[in-house]
Amino acid sequence: MKIVSWNINGIRASKINLKTLFDSLDADVICLQETKVTRDQLDEPTAIVEGYNSYFSFSRKRSGYSGVANFCRDTATPYSAEEGLTSLLNQKDDGKVESYGDVTHFSTDELEALDAEGRTVITQHQIQTGDGKDAHLAIINVYCPRVDPEREDRKVYKMRFLALLQTRAEALLQSGSHVIVLGDINLNHKKIDNCDPDLENWGKAPSRMWMNQFLWEPGRDPDIDPVDDTAEFLGTTSTVKGGLFVDTFRHLYPNKTDAYSNWCTLTSARETNYGRRLDYIMCDVPMAKSDLKESWVMKDVEGSDHCPVKTEFTASFLPAIKCPALCTKYMPEFVGKQQKLSSFFMKSAKSNSSLSKQDCGRSPKKTISSKTSVDEKKTEKVLKTKSPNKPGCGLKRLDSDRSEYLGPEAKRRKGDIKKNLSIPKQSNLMNFFGKSTSKNNISSDNSQRSQTNSEINACQNGHESTSEKCESVHLTNETKVDLVSSDDTDSPSSSQEQKSGKVTVKKTSSIAWKNLLKGPPTAPLCKGHKEPCLLRTVKKEGPNKGKQFFVCCRAEGLSSNPEARCDFFKWVDNKK
């Protein structure tokens, strides 16, 4: 069996059809992190992929944030599935994985908060091990929180999340099931998992200390501080044991370098492989010893700032007959049980036909004939008028009748509006480039424009027998603009052009526009490669936010790499 873990950085952003993408990965179970989709955003092409059954966990806090999903081939259908590390998100008892461990060390509010961001989904499968024995396997797909150095609460959140993850994983292991913990763990365990490690505080990072105690003894890093008291350490509880899982990649390749799975896209660090290994597939120790076959970091697969990681076992899946209740194909919107919003705007054939017969059978005269007042007779006149759009029984009120109801004052207002429509409210842009005209010229120009418009309307209404007249009307209404230098404006030809309808723009005007609409500053050459630099803008909060600066255009890399970005830096001087 083959299992893939991939932080896809937005499942809806994939440029390839999901089935084609999944088939290219050649795996039985594909575990995705950072799907960035909530329940209301999940569409059918994403949820239902031919040949696979899927299980999602959504963020309850923010839209387009976090989220994980397991896509299992039909040949690897699980018999149970649930989202979250606790039982709080699973209201149905059908298809639960269970085995939650001792969670008394967590408050109810804490448990709800740890499961509210959609960071875990678990599928449990029936497998046949390499030696022919039937067994159970729980696959825990997690997207661990990232530590924000400026927020202490997120540091605590991540460590408590890791403590709950270990509690659940060890509880499933104790229930007799094999366990695989995989996903974007958002930490690099050993120094060779980071292209440029911070050697000063390497062994004191709390998340790295948690990872070290979570793995078995041969896979630990001696340079990382041990966890002496699990009850006091924020990332563990007093009931966990530690040392029960194996990093499958490092178990097979303990000294392999440059095996990174994440790169910064802003600095094009993937080009120079200036990255980190944040994605792991970890299995329990007995399974690693008996069934672990191969492990890869799939660097060639693009589409995200992470690449997939893959592990193969000698064991094989035994598919369940029926998918568990969490499967997306059972969601009401995908089985036809839930009405969509668009259905409320669609016409019903039966109701419309019956309604039209009833309405057409009625006589408007009968309902109004008993009324004898003047206003009632006008109403009758309106109701008799049929809508031109609906030749059946549609009714429409005429504008003339509407004005009669409103009285002479409304008619006066209506007349004023029509008068105002003939007056142009917006000046022509060409007027700003020509000489100022007197009131007499304006009035004559308006009369000429109205005469031209009437001729155009006559052409459109079919009053002209030939198309030549229409073309001549359009041509006389055109205005030409010629940009000439200031030296040429005194020539007789330019004065004739102004009289003939052409507008001359002086050179000083174009210079003024250029000064007003300045383009980006000229890029300097970097000192390392003598190449034009890139223009960047500071987006981080602080005194420099919004400022622009130039850096080398090469991809980020080690300082010893001559092909990588040099240390050139220059602020943009906006005063120039």
Foldseek 3Di string as FASTA:
>chain_A
DKEKAEALQALVLDPDQPLVVVVVVVGQKYKYKLNQAAPVRDDDSNQDDPQWWKFKFAAQPDHRGIIMMMIGGLQFFFLAKDFALDCVRPPDPFRHPDQNADPPVDDPVLRCVLRRHHFWMKGKFWWQALVGDIAIEIEIEGDADADDPVDPVSLLSRLLNLASVLRRQVSSVVVRHWYKYWYQNNDFQDPLQAQDDDVPCVQPRLSNQSVQQQAADVLHDPSHDHDPAQCPRSNHHNPGDGRFKHFLACVVVVPDHLLAFADDVVQPQLVVSRHGHRITIMITPVQSVRWWDDKHQCSVDDNDRGGMIMTGTSMGTRHDPDHTPSTPCNPCVNVVNDDDPVVVVDDDPVVVVVVLVVLQPDDLCVVQVVDDDPVSVLVSVQCVDADPVDPRRHGDGDPVSVQVVVDPVSVVVVVVVVVVVLDDPDDDPLVVQADDDDPVVVVVVSVVVVVLVVQLVCVVVPVDPDCPSNVVSVVQPDAAEDEDEPVCCPDPVNVVCVVSRYGYHYPVVVVVVCVVDDDDDFFAAFPLPRDGWDKDAACDDDPRHGWIKTFHSARDDDQVDSRHTDPDIGTDDPVD
